[in-house]
Amino acid sequence: MSFIVTAYITCHYQQREKELHKQESNNMRLVISLAATFSLVGIILLCSLLYWFCHRRRNLKSSGCGCSGITFLNRFSRSKTLDKRTTKQGTVSLIDYNILEEGTSGFKESNILGQGGFGCVYSATLENNISAAVKKLDCANEDAAKEFKSEVEILSKLQHPNIISLLGYSTNDTARFIVYELMPNVSLESHLHGSSQGSAITWPMRMKIALDVTRGLEYLHEHCHPAIIHRDLKSSNILLDSNFNAKISDFGLAVVDGPKNKNHKLSGTVGYVAPEYLLNGQLTEKSDVYAFGVVLLELLLGKKPVEKLAPGECQSIITWAMPYLTDRTKLPSVIDPAIKDTMDLKHLYQVAAVAILCVQPEPSYRPLITDVLHSLIPLVPMELGGTLKTIKCASMDHC
């Protein structure tokens, strides 16, 4: 009997141990499952966090810069006539047409600052006494409509000291309007080829303007992602503020990611268009470098990109200037009379060399705009944004 009891107890304990072991196993499986689940959730959260962080960094990088419309919105934050609209690339202010009409005195002829292919640019005084320039574009013209859309979308994301600032835009039944900051000294073209014939801009100021333009182009080419090719750089699109700081304007023909974007019509201004683009539509950042080289020649020589010799006969500034640019003994004789004999000849030769490289027919021979920038910095006085140290003499007799 005791044997049976002992066997029963032993069997009972063995069964109990199996049940406990099974329960422990189940508990262990549950713990492992929970641990695995929490680990998986943690990994998913970590991956999501990393993806969000990388995506945010990429977005910040791709945007290139902030929105220039913010300042205008802040200044007019209490106005009920403005609205904030978002384009594909940025944010810009929608301005009530009545404000523009009042600010330009009904688009009065005396307010016209200049005229382009699709309309006029007017000076305006807006709310809070803000000075502005208003470009009016014909609504019925399809090309004008495309340029309007392109310029607003591109400028709404750009913010740089050497790029014109977009204040807003407006529309009515017959026209579209783009509103920019006002540049009191108008364009480089008006100074070089207007009534003053370049007398208002000295050699150091010209080098400062050239440097400003290269800084603006470097921003477009190297710091915007994807890169922006202006495609219509010329002296009339280089505007000057009250201190003669230069800003690139008119982005209606600008192309984003030009080498990959083939869906654009051949456009530009005669005298500034790079030969490879004119002949086969090849558009790269080097196209802007070529146009800059032409502007640099304008600054040096005071001549227009294309000069009329006779009815139906024209000559480009490059064709005319090349024999002088490559001969140091001849170069000083063709410099713009307004600045002749006012510069160090060594600096003149250096600028001429940069211009020659920029207007090379073969785009691969042209420098990057960054290289041009670094070539010009040592030629611009420190007080004008370069690194050239100038010596001020107490008396001209001691210079």
Foldseek 3Di string as FASTA:
>chain_A
DVVVVVVVVVVVVVVVVVVVVVVVVVVVVVVVVVVVVVVVVVVVVVVVVVVVVVVVVVLVQQLLAAFLQPVLCVVCVVPPQWDWDADPRAIFIEGHVVQFCVFQVNVDPVQFPAADDFFTWGWGQGPPRAIKIKTKGWPVDPLSVLLVNQQCRVLRSDDDPQAWHWNHWYDDDTIIMTITHDAVQQWQCCLLPNPVNVLVAEPLLLLLQLLSVLVQLCSQPPRHVQHKAQQADARNQWGQHPVGRTHGDRSSQIDGPQQVDQPHDQDYDPLLAAPVCVPPNRDDSLSVLQSSLLRLLCSFQSDDQWDDPDVVDIDGSCVVCVVLLVDLVRVLVRGRPSHRPPDDSVLVNLSSVLSVQSNDNDSVSHDRSVVVSVSSQCVHDVVSPHPDDDDDDPDPVVD
